[in-house]
Amino acid sequence: MQKLPRLVVSAVRGGLGKTTLSLGIIAAWRNQGKKVASFKKGPDFIDAGWLGAAAGRPCYNLDLFLMEEESILSSFVRHSTGADAAVIEGNRGLYDGVDGSGTYSTARLARLLDAPVVLIVDCTKSSATVAAVVLGIKQYDPSVAVRGIILNNVSPGRHESVIRQAIEQSSGIPVVGAMPRLRQGEFPERHMGLTPFQEHPDVDTAIDASASVAERYLDLAALWQIAGDAGPLGPVKQPAGPSADVDRPVVGVIRDKAFQFYYPDNFEALERSGAVLREISALHDQELPPLDALYIGGGFPETQAAELAGNVSFTASIKAGVEKGLPVYAECGGLIYLGRSLRVGERVYPMTSVLPADFVLEKKPQAHGYTQLETSGPNPFFEIK
């Protein structure tokens, strides 16, 4: 049995500062000399990148839709090794999932990890009603261990005092932080949320700012106590490494400012299967090196479109490699890169022309969420159902 202090940071809805506060807690605890492992609930890449930067070690995604429960527990235990505590940032509201019963929600993940939850609540133009919301959340599913409340957008003085008293008297849950409305600016946003940390002009300053917020407005000692109250984790089966006689294919990974959305778990799974990973840049390398396969993740090719299009020798080498039989896995921005062109505003940028498809960047996201597909024809990857 493993004893690991851990904490899920959640909220009553999205947009209440989960990422900023998770960063702040991680960075503030590190300032105290603690080693902190970070995790992000769901498929988010950008928040995970920031959390990893704050923790000084990779952040791992825990996704109930994409992963089996055993795999989530295995990843959590494996990647918490050597840490003094783990911080798991939730997504959206605590009980929000893919349906009305909260399937795949942050609450479900907290239950699976047997982790206490700290809940952020919005106090804008409200007082005792906030306590009613907290009480409702506590009673909605008593098996979810909501152990602390953080007030956001609260005015210091009477406003904070009234809400704090109402929450603690009605629900018995302590208030462990009270944040006023903060100025925007430390974490500039883009059309998909936070700017990736790789593109932020001063990552360390931004993380230090989040630590200062936590140190000023949160009761870090109380949060540490809540995290320490988490029960022991049971034994978890861990994946085996590659056998000595396994093939060692070289898998190229295009990883730069254009393509930065990858799950560390996937890299580790490839390496356990025997793959040797080689990082490549579509912006700076002139051509593909000798490879057995190519992996192109998501990202923001639209922000680097001119540079991608201008590296003609590299795009030509990808097309030539595919035509010679090079296996390629590409998703999201990587899939766009395999197309003929990408239109951004009035400009059209040529891509690799591997696929007979043209892409257009719209002014706002067209959809988001999980998608389930059914295989309808023969293919080398999935059974036909």
Foldseek 3Di string as FASTA:
>chain_A
DAQAQEEEEFEQFPPQCLLLQLLQLLLLVVVVVFQEAEEEEDQDQQSQLLNCVSRVHGYFYQWVVVDPLLVSLQVVVVRCPPGRHYYYYFHTHQQDDPDPRSPRGVQVVCLSQLFEYEYEYECPPHALVRLVVVQCVCVVDVSHHHAEYAYEQADPDPRVVRRQVSNCVPRVHHHFWYYHHDDDDLFDADQVGTDRLQPDPDSVVSSVVSNVRCVVTGNSVVSSVRSSVRDGDDDHDYDAAADPPADEFEEEEADDQQFPRDGVVVVVVCRSNRYDYDYDHLQPDLADDDGQAYETEGHHCVVVQVSNLVSVSHLQRVLVCVVVPHHYDYDHSRVQLLEQWEAEPPDIGGHSHNDPDYYYDDPHDPDDDDDDDADDDDDDPDDHD
